[in-house]
Amino acid sequence: DSRSSVAEAYRQLRTSILLSTAGHAPKSLLITSSLPAEGKTTTAVNTAISLAQTGAKVLVIDADMRRPRLHSIFNVSNAQGLSTILSSDMDEHEVLNVLQYEKEAKLYLLPSGPVPPNPAELIGSEQMSLLMKQLQGVFTHVVVDSPPIASFTDGVLIASMVDGVILVVHSGKSSRQVVRRSKQFLQEVGARVFGVVLN
């Protein structure tokens, strides 16, 4: 419901994101949380939809190769995805063929692909860094959903490859200490934290 208070909250979040960097809107954005079940995937998907509503070409990537959810939200195949691209030598044309388009949301999707035995190794690879650069050349915005950063290094690794990070915090549930530690992890890799979404 585009007139709901939740939709309005996402529009306000979109405005904050678009105004978060000087000179141009951020091309790439990581949406993560400290712990599981804080609402990062929901926030990532709705933020991507909200950005796509401006007419921008938006890609959302499921980089949570431990507990992927993007494919089930949009009811698309997860036979191929991020893990497939990172574990094979694909050219740009082949990479773009792995992406899926969701007509209703006007969004491009890159599901996680089959769960690999070594997610952090794939995410931290040179290939991931090159892929992010390549996709930022094709899309107006690339929104990445990652595993929680207090539990796994994947999110911290991605944080160093994007323009900025939004940390989702579960209102009344997440402890200040855990959130503070997550912020520290991000700052240690030189990530730019745009702000916090209190969910």
Protein backbone atom coordinates (compact mmCIF):
# COMPACT_ATOMS: atom_id res chain seq x y z
CA ASP A 1 0.00 0.00 0.00
CA SER A 2 1.81 3.10 -1.27
CA ARG A 3 -0.21 5.36 1.07
CA SER A 4 0.64 3.46 4.25
CA SER A 5 2.83 4.92 7.00
CA VAL A 6 5.43 2.19 6.31
CA ALA A 7 5.63 3.20 2.62
CA GLU A 8 6.03 6.83 3.70
CA ALA A 9 8.85 5.82 6.09
CA TYR A 10 10.67 4.12 3.18
CA ARG A 11 10.23 7.23 1.02
CA GLN A 12 11.82 9.29 3.80
CA LEU A 13 14.65 6.75 4.04
CA ARG A 14 15.11 6.98 0.24
CA THR A 15 15.42 10.77 0.48
CA SER A 16 18.01 10.45 3.26
CA ILE A 17 20.03 7.98 1.16
CA LEU A 18 19.91 10.13 -1.99
CA LEU A 19 21.14 13.15 -0.02
CA SER A 20 23.80 11.27 1.96
CA THR A 21 26.77 11.98 -0.34
CA ALA A 22 27.95 15.26 -1.81
CA GLY A 23 28.00 15.66 -5.59
CA HIS A 24 25.99 12.57 -6.51
CA ALA A 25 23.66 10.01 -4.97
CA PRO A 26 25.39 6.81 -3.76
CA LYS A 27 25.75 4.16 -6.46
CA SER A 28 26.14 1.25 -4.06
CA LEU A 29 24.68 0.61 -0.65
CA LEU A 30 25.05 -2.19 1.88
CA ILE A 31 22.11 -2.84 4.18
CA THR A 32 23.10 -5.00 7.12
CA SER A 33 22.47 -5.55 10.82
CA SER A 34 24.38 -6.72 13.87
CA LEU A 35 22.32 -9.83 14.53
CA PRO A 36 19.87 -12.09 12.65
CA ALA A 37 16.16 -11.20 12.41
CA GLU A 38 16.53 -7.43 12.74
CA GLY A 39 14.78 -6.75 9.43
CA LYS A 40 17.72 -6.09 7.11
CA THR A 41 16.38 -8.09 4.14
CA THR A 42 12.96 -6.43 4.37
CA THR A 43 14.68 -3.04 4.61
CA ALA A 44 16.99 -3.83 1.67
CA VAL A 45 14.12 -4.96 -0.57
CA ASN A 46 11.81 -2.06 0.29
CA THR A 47 14.63 0.48 -0.06
CA ALA A 48 15.46 -0.95 -3.50
CA ILE A 49 11.78 -0.82 -4.55
CA SER A 50 11.54 2.76 -3.28
CA LEU A 51 14.65 3.76 -5.28
CA ALA A 52 13.25 2.03 -8.40
CA GLN A 53 10.05 4.11 -8.07
CA THR A 54 12.10 7.20 -8.95
CA GLY A 55 12.70 5.68 -12.40
CA ALA A 56 16.24 4.59 -11.50
CA LYS A 57 17.66 1.26 -12.72
CA VAL A 58 18.12 -0.65 -9.45
CA LEU A 59 19.71 -4.01 -8.69
CA VAL A 60 19.31 -5.78 -5.35
CA ILE A 61 21.91 -8.44 -4.50
CA ASP A 62 21.41 -11.23 -1.96
CA ALA A 63 24.94 -11.54 -0.57
CA ASP A 64 23.70 -13.56 2.41
CA MET A 65 24.93 -16.90 1.13
CA ARG A 66 24.32 -18.51 4.51
CA ARG A 67 20.58 -17.82 4.84
CA PRO A 68 19.46 -16.45 1.47
CA ARG A 69 15.93 -15.00 1.30
CA LEU A 70 15.65 -12.79 -1.77
CA HIS A 71 14.57 -15.61 -4.10
CA SER A 72 11.75 -16.70 -1.77
CA ILE A 73 10.47 -13.11 -1.31
CA PHE A 74 10.12 -12.67 -5.09
CA ASN A 75 9.44 -16.34 -5.80
CA VAL A 76 12.26 -16.68 -8.35
CA SER A 77 14.79 -19.44 -9.01
CA ASN A 78 17.95 -19.60 -6.92
CA ALA A 79 19.67 -22.16 -9.17
CA GLN A 80 22.05 -19.45 -10.35
CA GLY A 81 23.19 -16.32 -8.58
CA LEU A 82 26.04 -14.55 -6.82
CA SER A 83 27.84 -17.77 -5.81
CA THR A 84 27.68 -19.00 -9.45
CA ILE A 85 29.24 -15.78 -10.76
CA LEU A 86 31.98 -15.68 -8.11
CA SER A 87 32.97 -19.31 -8.58
CA SER A 88 33.25 -19.19 -12.37
CA ASP A 89 34.95 -17.07 -14.99
CA MET A 90 32.09 -15.15 -16.64
CA ASP A 91 32.26 -12.19 -18.99
CA GLU A 92 29.95 -9.17 -18.53
CA HIS A 93 27.30 -10.55 -20.89
CA GLU A 94 27.14 -13.87 -19.00
CA VAL A 95 26.96 -12.04 -15.64
CA LEU A 96 24.01 -9.90 -16.81
CA ASN A 97 22.25 -13.07 -18.01
CA VAL A 98 22.24 -14.41 -14.43
CA LEU A 99 20.23 -11.37 -13.25
CA GLN A 100 16.45 -11.62 -13.08
CA TYR A 101 13.92 -8.84 -13.63
CA GLU A 102 10.90 -8.39 -11.39
CA LYS A 103 8.30 -6.53 -13.49
CA GLU A 104 5.93 -5.50 -10.73
CA ALA A 105 8.64 -3.96 -8.53
CA LYS A 106 10.67 -2.76 -11.57
CA LEU A 107 13.73 -4.29 -9.92
CA TYR A 108 16.67 -6.36 -11.09
CA LEU A 109 17.54 -9.24 -8.77
CA LEU A 110 20.70 -11.19 -8.17
CA PRO A 111 19.82 -14.07 -5.82
CA SER A 112 22.55 -15.71 -3.74
CA GLY A 113 22.74 -18.85 -5.88
CA PRO A 114 23.52 -22.28 -4.38
CA VAL A 115 24.97 -22.10 -0.85
CA PRO A 116 28.77 -22.49 -1.15
CA PRO A 117 31.02 -24.15 1.46
CA ASN A 118 33.11 -20.94 1.76
CA PRO A 119 30.88 -17.81 1.58
CA ALA A 120 33.39 -15.40 3.19
CA GLU A 121 36.13 -16.52 0.79
CA LEU A 122 33.94 -15.79 -2.24
CA ILE A 123 32.71 -12.45 -0.85
CA GLY A 124 36.24 -11.33 0.03
CA SER A 125 37.63 -12.24 -3.39
CA GLU A 126 39.02 -9.88 -6.00
CA GLN A 127 36.21 -11.14 -8.26
CA MET A 128 33.56 -9.73 -5.89
CA SER A 129 35.27 -6.35 -5.93
CA LEU A 130 35.41 -6.38 -9.76
CA LEU A 131 31.78 -7.51 -9.97
CA MET A 132 30.65 -4.59 -7.77
CA LYS A 133 32.54 -2.14 -10.00
CA GLN A 134 31.07 -3.71 -13.12
CA LEU A 135 27.47 -3.63 -11.81
CA GLN A 136 27.81 -0.01 -10.65
CA GLY A 137 28.63 0.83 -14.26
CA VAL A 138 25.34 -0.72 -15.44
CA PHE A 139 22.90 0.29 -12.68
CA THR A 140 21.93 3.62 -11.08
CA HIS A 141 21.90 1.96 -7.64
CA VAL A 142 23.13 -1.41 -6.36
CA VAL A 143 21.61 -2.43 -3.01
CA VAL A 144 23.33 -5.31 -1.21
CA ASP A 145 21.84 -7.45 1.57
CA SER A 146 24.48 -9.25 3.67
CA PRO A 147 24.65 -11.59 6.68
CA PRO A 148 24.67 -9.95 10.14
CA ILE A 149 28.09 -8.42 10.81
CA ALA A 150 28.48 -9.35 14.47
CA SER A 151 28.26 -13.04 13.46
CA PHE A 152 30.11 -13.21 10.11
CA THR A 153 32.82 -11.26 8.29
CA ASP A 154 30.97 -11.25 4.92
CA GLY A 155 29.14 -7.97 5.59
CA VAL A 156 32.28 -6.20 6.77
CA LEU A 157 34.09 -7.33 3.60
CA ILE A 158 31.31 -5.93 1.39
CA ALA A 159 31.22 -2.71 3.43
CA SER A 160 34.68 -1.80 2.11
CA MET A 161 33.42 -2.15 -1.51
CA VAL A 162 30.35 0.11 -1.38
CA ASP A 163 29.68 3.86 -1.15
CA GLY A 164 27.94 3.52 2.20
CA VAL A 165 26.31 1.29 4.80
CA ILE A 166 22.96 1.41 6.55
CA LEU A 167 22.78 -0.50 9.80
CA VAL A 168 19.35 -1.92 10.69
CA VAL A 169 18.72 -2.03 14.43
CA HIS A 170 15.78 -3.88 15.97
CA SER A 171 14.02 -1.40 18.22
CA GLY A 172 13.84 -2.54 21.85
CA LYS A 173 15.77 -5.75 21.11
CA SER A 174 19.31 -4.96 19.91
CA SER A 175 21.74 -4.06 22.69
CA ARG A 176 23.73 -0.82 22.44
CA GLN A 177 26.91 -2.81 23.03
CA VAL A 178 26.37 -5.07 20.00
CA VAL A 179 25.44 -2.13 17.76
CA ARG A 180 28.51 -0.20 18.96
CA ARG A 181 30.72 -3.21 18.16
CA SER A 182 29.21 -3.49 14.66
CA LYS A 183 29.85 0.20 14.05
CA GLN A 184 33.45 -0.32 15.14
CA PHE A 185 33.88 -3.30 12.73
CA LEU A 186 32.67 -1.09 9.89
CA GLN A 187 34.87 1.85 10.80
CA GLU A 188 37.93 -0.41 11.03
CA VAL A 189 37.62 -1.27 7.32
CA GLY A 190 37.06 2.38 6.40
CA ALA A 191 33.38 1.87 5.60
CA ARG A 192 31.13 4.89 5.51
CA VAL A 193 28.10 4.45 7.77
CA PHE A 194 25.29 6.62 6.39
CA GLY A 195 23.11 5.97 9.41
CA VAL A 196 20.87 3.61 11.29
CA VAL A 197 17.34 2.40 10.56
CA LEU A 198 15.52 1.80 13.82
CA ASN A 199 13.13 -0.98 12.91
